[in-house]
Every structure is written in structure tokens, then in C-alpha cells.
Protein backbone atom coordinates (compact mmCIF):
# COMPACT_ATOMS: atom_id res chain seq x y z
CA MET A 1 -65.82 51.60 47.97
CA SER A 2 -64.11 54.20 45.79
CA CYS A 3 -60.77 53.24 47.29
CA ILE A 4 -61.39 49.65 46.52
CA LYS A 5 -62.25 50.44 42.91
CA LYS A 6 -59.16 52.61 42.42
CA SER A 7 -56.80 49.98 43.78
CA ALA A 8 -58.33 47.35 41.50
CA ALA A 9 -57.86 49.58 38.46
CA ARG A 10 -54.16 49.97 39.02
CA PRO A 11 -53.31 46.29 38.40
CA ALA A 12 -55.36 46.34 35.23
CA ARG A 13 -53.41 49.30 33.87
CA ALA A 14 -50.13 47.72 34.99
CA GLY A 15 -50.99 44.53 33.09
CA ALA A 16 -51.69 46.55 29.97
CA TYR A 17 -48.35 48.33 30.28
CA LEU A 18 -46.62 44.99 30.78
CA ARG A 19 -48.24 43.49 27.67
CA LEU A 20 -47.29 46.57 25.65
CA ALA A 21 -43.69 46.35 26.85
CA CYS A 22 -43.53 42.66 25.94
CA LEU A 23 -44.93 43.35 22.49
CA THR A 24 -42.41 46.12 21.94
CA LEU A 25 -39.55 43.86 23.04
CA ALA A 26 -40.75 41.08 20.73
CA LEU A 27 -40.91 43.44 17.77
CA ALA A 28 -37.42 44.70 18.52
CA LEU A 29 -36.08 41.16 18.72
CA LEU A 30 -37.80 40.25 15.46
CA ALA A 31 -36.27 43.23 13.74
CA SER A 32 -32.87 42.32 15.14
CA CYS A 33 -33.20 38.72 13.91
CA ALA A 34 -34.21 39.92 10.49
CA THR A 35 -31.09 42.09 10.37
CA ILE A 36 -28.91 39.18 11.46
CA GLN A 37 -30.53 36.92 8.86
CA ARG A 38 -29.88 39.48 6.13
CA ASP A 39 -26.23 39.63 7.22
CA VAL A 40 -25.91 35.83 7.08
CA LEU A 41 -27.46 35.70 3.64
CA TYR A 42 -25.10 38.39 2.45
CA ASP A 43 -22.03 36.63 3.85
CA SER A 44 -22.97 33.18 2.57
CA ALA A 45 -24.06 34.39 -0.86
CA THR A 46 -26.58 32.69 -3.04
CA GLY A 47 -24.82 29.94 -4.98
CA SER A 48 -22.58 28.64 -2.16
CA ASP A 49 -23.97 25.19 -2.80
CA PRO A 50 -21.74 22.16 -2.21
CA SER A 51 -23.56 20.26 -4.96
CA GLU A 52 -22.21 22.77 -7.48
CA LEU A 53 -18.69 21.94 -6.39
CA ALA A 54 -19.33 18.19 -6.58
CA ALA A 55 -20.40 18.53 -10.20
CA LEU A 56 -17.34 20.64 -11.01
CA GLU A 57 -15.05 18.12 -9.33
CA LEU A 58 -16.36 15.34 -11.55
CA LYS A 59 -16.03 17.52 -14.65
CA LEU A 60 -12.38 18.27 -13.90
CA THR A 61 -11.67 14.63 -13.07
CA ALA A 62 -13.11 13.57 -16.43
CA LEU A 63 -11.01 16.25 -18.12
CA ARG A 64 -7.87 14.83 -16.52
CA ALA A 65 -8.75 11.52 -18.15
CA LYS A 66 -9.66 12.97 -21.54
CA ALA A 67 -9.04 16.54 -22.66
CA ASP A 68 -11.95 18.53 -24.07
CA GLN A 69 -11.22 22.20 -24.69
CA ALA A 70 -14.85 23.28 -24.86
CA ALA A 71 -15.77 21.47 -21.64
CA PHE A 72 -12.65 22.82 -19.93
CA ALA A 73 -13.46 26.41 -20.90
CA GLN A 74 -16.98 25.97 -19.53
CA ALA A 75 -15.71 24.53 -16.24
CA ARG A 76 -13.22 27.39 -15.77
CA GLY A 77 -16.00 29.89 -16.41
CA GLU A 78 -18.17 28.27 -13.75
CA ILE A 79 -15.31 28.29 -11.24
CA LYS A 80 -14.54 31.94 -11.94
CA ALA A 81 -18.17 32.91 -11.41
CA LEU A 82 -18.31 31.07 -8.07
CA LEU A 83 -15.07 32.67 -6.89
CA GLU A 84 -16.67 36.09 -7.35
CA LYS A 85 -19.43 35.23 -4.85
CA PRO A 86 -18.46 35.71 -1.18
CA SER A 87 -18.89 32.87 1.30
CA THR A 88 -18.00 32.44 4.96
CA ASP A 89 -18.06 28.63 4.85
CA PRO A 90 -14.41 27.52 5.22
CA LEU A 91 -14.98 24.04 3.77
CA TYR A 92 -16.72 25.49 0.74
CA ARG A 93 -13.99 28.08 0.15
CA ALA A 94 -11.25 25.44 0.52
CA ARG A 95 -12.85 23.09 -1.99
CA LEU A 96 -13.63 25.89 -4.46
CA ASN A 97 -10.03 27.11 -4.39
CA GLY A 98 -8.84 23.52 -4.75
CA LEU A 99 -10.96 23.23 -7.90
CA ALA A 100 -9.54 26.51 -9.17
CA ALA A 101 -6.04 25.14 -8.56
CA GLU A 102 -6.87 21.96 -10.49
CA ALA A 103 -8.15 24.03 -13.41
CA ALA A 104 -4.95 26.08 -13.34
CA LEU A 105 -2.85 22.89 -13.40
CA LEU A 106 -4.82 21.57 -16.36
CA ALA A 107 -4.10 24.88 -18.09
CA GLY A 108 -0.38 24.55 -17.29
CA ASP A 109 -0.32 27.51 -14.88
CA ARG A 110 1.57 26.20 -11.85
CA ALA A 111 1.93 29.64 -10.27
CA GLU A 112 -1.84 30.20 -10.27
CA ALA A 113 -2.37 26.67 -8.94
CA ALA A 114 0.02 27.33 -6.04
CA LYS A 115 -1.76 30.61 -5.26
CA ARG A 116 -5.18 28.96 -5.19
CA LEU A 117 -3.91 26.11 -3.03
CA ALA A 118 -2.57 28.63 -0.52
CA GLU A 119 -6.09 30.15 -0.39
CA ALA A 120 -7.57 26.69 0.12
CA LYS A 121 -5.18 25.90 2.96
CA SER A 122 -5.85 29.28 4.57
CA ALA A 123 -9.58 28.55 4.58
CA TYR A 124 -9.35 24.94 5.79
CA GLN A 125 -6.35 22.61 5.91
CA GLY A 126 -8.21 19.32 5.84
CA ASP A 127 -9.79 19.39 2.37
CA GLU A 128 -8.99 16.06 0.71
CA TYR A 129 -9.41 17.25 -2.87
CA SER A 130 -7.04 20.18 -2.36
CA ALA A 131 -4.47 17.80 -0.86
CA VAL A 132 -4.54 15.70 -4.03
CA VAL A 133 -4.11 18.76 -6.23
CA ALA A 134 -1.27 20.00 -4.03
CA SER A 135 0.58 16.70 -4.45
CA ARG A 136 0.55 17.16 -8.20
CA LEU A 137 2.69 20.28 -7.83
CA ALA A 138 5.57 18.13 -6.56
CA ARG A 139 8.45 17.87 -9.01
CA THR A 140 9.20 14.15 -8.56
CA ASN A 141 7.08 11.09 -7.91
CA ASN A 142 8.93 10.42 -4.66
CA ASP A 143 8.10 13.93 -3.42
CA LYS A 144 4.53 13.49 -4.55
CA LEU A 145 4.25 10.23 -2.62
CA LYS A 146 5.53 11.93 0.55
CA GLU A 147 2.91 14.67 0.11
CA LEU A 148 0.13 12.13 -0.22
CA GLU A 149 1.29 10.05 2.75
CA SER A 150 1.33 13.20 4.87
CA ALA A 151 -2.11 14.22 3.59
CA LEU A 152 -3.58 10.91 4.74
CA LEU A 153 -2.84 11.95 8.33
CA ASN A 154 -4.51 15.35 8.06
CA ALA A 155 -7.22 15.27 5.42
CA ASP A 156 -10.90 14.71 6.13
CA GLY A 157 -11.10 11.87 3.59
CA ALA A 158 -8.89 9.16 2.12
CA GLN A 159 -10.32 7.68 -1.10
CA ARG A 160 -9.19 10.42 -3.50
CA ILE A 161 -5.77 10.46 -1.86
CA ARG A 162 -5.40 6.68 -2.10
CA ALA A 163 -6.37 6.70 -5.77
CA GLU A 164 -3.73 9.34 -6.52
CA MET A 165 -1.22 7.32 -4.48
CA GLY A 166 -2.02 4.39 -6.73
CA ALA A 167 -1.16 6.49 -9.78
CA THR A 168 2.09 7.64 -8.19
CA LEU A 169 3.13 4.13 -7.16
CA HIS A 170 2.25 2.97 -10.68
CA ASP A 171 4.62 5.58 -12.13
CA LEU A 172 7.32 4.51 -9.66
CA GLY A 173 7.04 0.91 -10.88
CA ARG A 174 5.71 -0.36 -7.54
CA GLN A 175 2.83 -2.20 -9.16
CA ARG A 176 1.69 -4.41 -6.29
CA GLU A 177 1.40 -1.42 -3.96
CA ALA A 178 -0.30 0.59 -6.69
CA LEU A 179 -2.87 -2.15 -7.24
CA ALA A 180 -3.62 -2.28 -3.51
CA ALA A 181 -4.09 1.50 -3.37
CA PHE A 182 -6.38 1.52 -6.41
CA ASP A 183 -8.49 -1.32 -5.06
CA ALA A 184 -8.85 0.39 -1.69
CA ALA A 185 -10.22 3.52 -3.33
CA LEU A 186 -11.85 3.10 -6.73
CA PRO A 187 -14.87 1.00 -5.64
CA PHE A 188 -15.95 3.92 -3.45
CA LEU A 189 -15.44 6.76 -5.95
CA PRO A 190 -17.66 8.00 -8.80
CA ASP A 191 -17.27 6.67 -12.34
CA GLU A 192 -15.19 9.67 -13.40
CA TYR A 193 -12.41 8.52 -11.08
CA ARG A 194 -12.52 5.02 -12.55
CA LEU A 195 -12.26 6.61 -15.99
CA LEU A 196 -9.13 8.46 -14.86
CA TYR A 197 -7.37 5.76 -12.87
CA GLY A 198 -8.84 2.58 -14.40
CA PRO A 199 -6.26 2.16 -17.19
CA MET A 200 -3.40 2.55 -14.69
CA ARG A 201 -5.07 0.06 -12.38
CA GLU A 202 -5.31 -2.47 -15.22
CA ARG A 203 -1.68 -1.92 -16.13
CA SER A 204 -0.61 -2.40 -12.50
CA TYR A 205 -2.63 -5.61 -12.41
CA ALA A 206 -0.93 -6.91 -15.56
CA LEU A 207 2.55 -5.94 -14.36
CA ARG A 208 2.25 -6.85 -10.70
CA GLU A 209 4.55 -9.85 -11.12
CA ALA A 210 7.30 -7.87 -12.86
CA ASP A 211 10.63 -8.05 -11.06
CA ALA A 212 11.90 -4.69 -12.30
CA ASN A 213 10.69 -1.47 -13.80
CA ILE A 214 9.37 -1.66 -17.33
CA ALA A 215 11.75 -0.30 -19.96
CA ALA A 216 10.92 3.18 -21.20
CA SER A 217 10.64 1.86 -24.76
CA SER A 218 7.88 -0.54 -23.64
CA ALA A 219 5.77 1.89 -21.66
CA ALA A 220 4.04 3.38 -24.69
CA TYR A 221 2.60 0.00 -25.64
CA LEU A 222 1.40 -1.21 -22.24
CA ASN A 223 -2.17 0.01 -22.37
CA ARG A 224 -5.61 -1.05 -23.57
CA GLU A 225 -5.18 0.47 -27.03
CA GLN A 226 -4.75 -1.77 -30.06
CA LEU A 227 -1.11 -2.83 -30.32
CA PRO A 228 0.80 -1.95 -33.52
CA ALA A 229 3.13 -4.44 -35.21
CA LEU A 230 6.22 -2.56 -34.02
CA GLY A 231 5.04 -2.86 -30.42
CA MET A 232 5.35 -6.64 -30.51
CA ALA A 233 9.01 -6.41 -31.50
CA VAL A 234 9.75 -3.72 -28.91
CA LEU A 235 8.12 -5.63 -26.05
CA ALA A 236 9.82 -8.90 -27.00
CA GLN A 237 13.25 -7.26 -27.09
CA SER A 238 12.85 -5.03 -24.03
CA GLU A 239 10.97 -7.32 -21.66
CA THR A 240 12.35 -10.79 -22.51
CA ASN A 241 15.57 -12.39 -23.73
CA THR A 242 13.78 -14.52 -26.31
CA LEU A 243 15.29 -12.60 -29.24
CA ASP A 244 18.91 -12.95 -28.10
CA TRP A 245 19.45 -15.84 -30.52
CA ILE A 246 18.66 -13.37 -33.31
CA THR A 247 20.26 -10.18 -31.96
CA GLY A 248 23.17 -11.77 -30.14
CA GLY A 249 22.06 -9.98 -27.01
CA ALA A 250 22.51 -6.55 -28.57
CA THR A 251 19.71 -3.98 -28.59
CA TRP A 252 18.61 -3.39 -32.17
CA ALA A 253 16.82 -0.32 -33.41
CA PRO A 254 13.06 -1.09 -33.33
CA GLY A 255 12.58 -0.52 -37.06
CA VAL A 256 15.48 -2.79 -37.97
CA LEU A 257 14.22 -5.48 -35.62
CA PHE A 258 10.71 -5.27 -37.08
CA GLU A 259 11.97 -5.72 -40.64
CA ARG A 260 14.17 -8.66 -39.60
CA LEU A 261 11.30 -10.44 -37.84
CA LYS A 262 8.92 -9.70 -40.69
CA ALA A 263 11.35 -11.23 -43.19
CA ALA A 264 11.66 -14.29 -40.94
CA GLY A 265 7.89 -14.85 -41.02
CA TRP A 266 6.98 -13.65 -37.53
CA TYR A 267 4.14 -11.50 -38.83
CA ALA A 268 1.08 -12.57 -40.80
CA THR A 269 0.82 -11.25 -44.36
CA SER A 270 -1.62 -8.57 -43.14
CA ALA A 271 1.20 -6.88 -41.21
CA THR A 272 2.99 -4.85 -43.85
CA GLY A 273 3.89 -1.77 -41.83
CA GLN A 274 5.18 -0.95 -38.36
CA LYS A 275 1.96 0.85 -37.38
CA ASP A 276 -0.45 -1.84 -38.60
CA PRO A 277 -2.89 -2.74 -35.79
CA MET A 278 -2.48 -6.30 -34.56
CA LYS A 279 -5.13 -8.98 -34.28
CA ARG A 280 -5.25 -12.21 -32.30
CA ARG A 281 -3.94 -14.22 -35.24
CA ASP A 282 -0.91 -11.89 -35.51
CA ALA A 283 -0.22 -12.28 -31.80
CA ALA A 284 -0.45 -16.07 -32.03
CA LEU A 285 2.01 -16.22 -34.93
CA PHE A 286 4.50 -13.94 -33.19
CA LEU A 287 4.25 -15.83 -29.90
CA TRP A 288 4.63 -19.21 -31.60
CA ASN A 289 7.88 -17.99 -33.14
CA VAL A 290 9.01 -16.79 -29.72
CA MET A 291 8.34 -20.27 -28.35
CA ALA A 292 9.94 -22.14 -31.27
CA ARG A 293 13.20 -20.13 -31.23
CA GLY A 294 13.89 -21.14 -34.82
CA GLU A 295 13.00 -24.82 -34.44
CA THR A 296 11.32 -25.54 -37.81
CA ARG A 297 9.72 -28.83 -36.77
CA LEU A 298 7.86 -27.12 -33.96
CA LEU A 299 6.65 -24.35 -36.25
CA THR A 300 4.91 -26.89 -38.52
CA ARG A 301 3.85 -29.41 -35.86
CA TYR A 302 0.10 -29.10 -36.42
CA SER A 303 0.19 -28.85 -40.20
CA VAL A 304 1.85 -32.27 -40.25
CA ARG A 305 -0.53 -33.69 -37.63
CA TYR A 306 -3.70 -32.52 -39.39
CA ALA A 307 -2.56 -32.89 -43.00
CA ALA A 308 -4.84 -35.88 -43.66
CA ARG A 309 -7.83 -34.58 -41.73
CA PRO A 310 -10.79 -32.88 -43.43
CA ALA A 311 -11.28 -30.01 -40.99
CA SER A 312 -9.50 -27.92 -38.39
CA PRO A 313 -10.20 -28.63 -34.70
CA VAL A 314 -10.88 -24.90 -34.29
CA PRO A 315 -13.72 -23.84 -36.63
CA ASP A 316 -12.48 -20.33 -37.41
CA VAL A 317 -8.82 -21.37 -37.91
CA PRO A 318 -8.63 -23.08 -41.32
CA ILE A 319 -5.97 -25.66 -42.12
CA GLY A 320 -3.45 -24.02 -44.43
CA ALA A 321 -3.75 -20.55 -42.91
CA PRO A 322 -0.29 -19.05 -42.20
CA TRP A 323 -1.20 -18.85 -38.54
CA PHE A 324 -2.86 -22.31 -38.25
CA ASP A 325 0.07 -23.96 -36.43
CA ALA A 326 0.57 -20.90 -34.24
CA VAL A 327 -3.03 -20.75 -33.03
CA LEU A 328 -3.21 -24.44 -32.21
CA GLY A 329 0.19 -24.24 -30.51
CA VAL A 330 -0.47 -21.27 -28.25
CA VAL A 331 -3.88 -22.65 -27.30
CA GLU A 332 -2.63 -26.17 -26.58
CA GLU A 333 0.25 -24.82 -24.50
CA GLY A 334 -2.02 -22.52 -22.51
CA ILE A 335 -0.50 -19.24 -23.71
CA MET A 336 -3.73 -17.98 -25.30
CA SER A 337 -7.26 -19.32 -25.01
CA LEU A 338 -10.45 -19.85 -26.99
CA PRO A 339 -12.62 -16.95 -25.76
CA ASP A 340 -15.88 -18.87 -26.03
CA GLY A 341 -14.36 -22.30 -25.50
CA ARG A 342 -14.73 -23.21 -29.17
CA SER A 343 -13.52 -20.44 -31.52
CA PHE A 344 -10.27 -18.47 -31.53
CA LYS A 345 -11.68 -15.23 -33.00
CA PRO A 346 -8.54 -14.52 -35.06
CA ASP A 347 -9.71 -11.11 -36.30
CA ASP A 348 -10.34 -9.61 -32.85
CA PRO A 349 -7.97 -6.76 -31.91
CA VAL A 350 -5.06 -7.18 -29.49
CA ASN A 351 -4.03 -4.61 -26.90
CA GLY A 352 -0.61 -4.15 -25.34
CA LEU A 353 -1.47 -5.36 -21.85
CA ASP A 354 -2.93 -8.65 -23.05
CA PHE A 355 -0.04 -9.23 -25.43
CA TYR A 356 2.46 -8.53 -22.65
CA ALA A 357 0.88 -11.18 -20.43
CA TRP A 358 0.95 -13.72 -23.27
CA LEU A 359 4.52 -12.77 -24.13
CA LYS A 360 5.76 -13.38 -20.57
CA ALA A 361 4.08 -16.79 -20.58
CA ALA A 362 5.58 -17.64 -24.00
CA ALA A 363 9.04 -16.54 -22.88
CA ALA A 364 8.82 -18.82 -19.82
CA TRP A 365 7.64 -21.82 -21.87
CA ARG A 366 10.00 -24.83 -21.74
């Protein structure tokens, strides 16, 4: 019996030893995992959050569209603080260095931008944002376009690249291609990108039918800002041949041309200076003179027609106004329209892109 009892006790003690060994092993593994976890946390660093970079990207994009020194200083401070925190995530490091390169470009420091882009490429070569920033280091638009076309083959995204391609094609005068690039990208990007590229997209839309590059003298006026009086003269001379009967085909100095057209009655009485902001009534009067080409009977067509009538057919365009004939003429000939189908809104402002479209239609009339 004693032998039987002793042999039964041995397995019991062996089981206890086994459980103790398992517990020891588990504790050792737990300690090891804790050490590994601490190492990972140290390498990744608190603050390596992609959402932080997304917010910074939008800030810098908005700053490209509209400079703000205080906001720029704040963004650079945030980027600097993040660069001081270590991270082993290659995508994160590539994007962060791309943002640092963008900030350097905005500050005019091309050398620092190139350095940061090299860091971004070393971390990860497929970052789309860094590819866009890298293209902006190119010295010419043709070189920039080549950079962007190459980036499309290697980057992990396409919308930012296509939007920047639109801007480059816009600057190269390839407006149809620019419009296609913008429309392939902007609907899928945040509002900050539309703020940056939207005006160029609108300009490409307005100029997509142009046969040649816009003259340098015209470029400053082809935007959504209110057009000054001088801009009308510059656009008419540079982008059409409708003033040749006045200039003899020669290119006159803008100031001289403005004074000549003003003296000839091409501007309403409100336009006394070259920088005066233009309104719809001013545009109508100028365009009607473009269409008439000095033909006096055409200039007074509607005054004669409505001389015996008690009221104007357009409520906010009174008979006897210096721009009465012009408004009725450009509306009847389809050059300009009645915005609400009834009124002309003569005091509304005019921007360069709208005026350019009307001017091209007026120049092609007859």
C-alpha cells in the first residue's frame, strides 16, 4: 500500500512543478511584451497622428491661395514641433517632411525645401503631397509638367497631382487640358484646394476657346476681380483687332489708348480715371462702341426707335441715359444678358473674365 501511495504522490508533485513552470514562463513572456511595447511607443512617439498632418496640409494649401503671416508662423511652429518627435512610420515621416518642404517654399527657402524633400523621398518615395511640392522646385513649367507626369506613375494618389498639373497647363496656355485636369481632381479634394485652384479653373474655362496664348499685358486682368477702366482698353487692343481702325494696327501705350477712347465716348461719365472699377453699364457702352466701329447711326439706334415712347423696355435702363443704346444693343444682339430676365442691373460690378467673354463675342459680331 505504501508503494502505491508514494507512486501516486509523484504525479501530483510533477503537476505542481509543471504549473509553476508555466506560470513562470507566462510572466516572463508578459514582461518581454511589456518591454517590446515600451520600445514601440518610444519609436512611434506620441503625436505621430496622421490627422495632425491632414490639418497642416489644408492650412498650407489655404496659405498658398492667400498669404497670412500669422497663420503661416503658427503652421511652421507646428511642423517644427512634430519634426522633433521621432517616428518609425515611413508614410508619416514622408508626409511630414513634404509639409516642411512646402513651408520652406512658401518662405522662399528653396535649399531647405530641397533638403526636406530628400528626407521625404528617403522615408517613402510614393507620397503624393511630396511629389507635388517637388514639382514646384522645377525652374520652368515644362520641367514641372514632366515631374508631375512622372509622379502620376509612382505616387500613391493622383488628385493633388492632377490639380497641380491643371495649374501648370493653365500657365502654359493649354487651357482645354488644364480644364480637364482641374475637373478630374477638384471635385474630390477639400475646399482649400478649390480655393487655391478655383480661380485658375475658371480662367481656363473662359479661355478654353482661345487659339493662342493670352498676351502678357492681358493676363493681369483675366480674373474674378473687378475690372478697372484701363483693363477694358488693354484687353480690346491685345486680344482683338477691333481697335485697328483707331490705332492703324499699331500698339498704343495703354494710358494713351484709354484717354483716346474716353475722349471718343467709350466710357460712361463715371469712368474718370484708369483705375476706376467698371460696372455692367460701363461694359455695355464699351462693347457697343466695339461693335459699332464708329458707325454713328448704330450708336443711336435705340434712342431714335424709342424717342416717342413713354418708358424704356428695360426698367432699370432709363431712356436718355448715356448707356441706354448700348445696353439695349448688347442685350438684343446676345452679347450680354438680363440676369433675371427683366432687369439689366447696370450698377453691378464687372470682372475681367466675364468682360473677356463678352468682348470676344462683340469682336466676332457681324
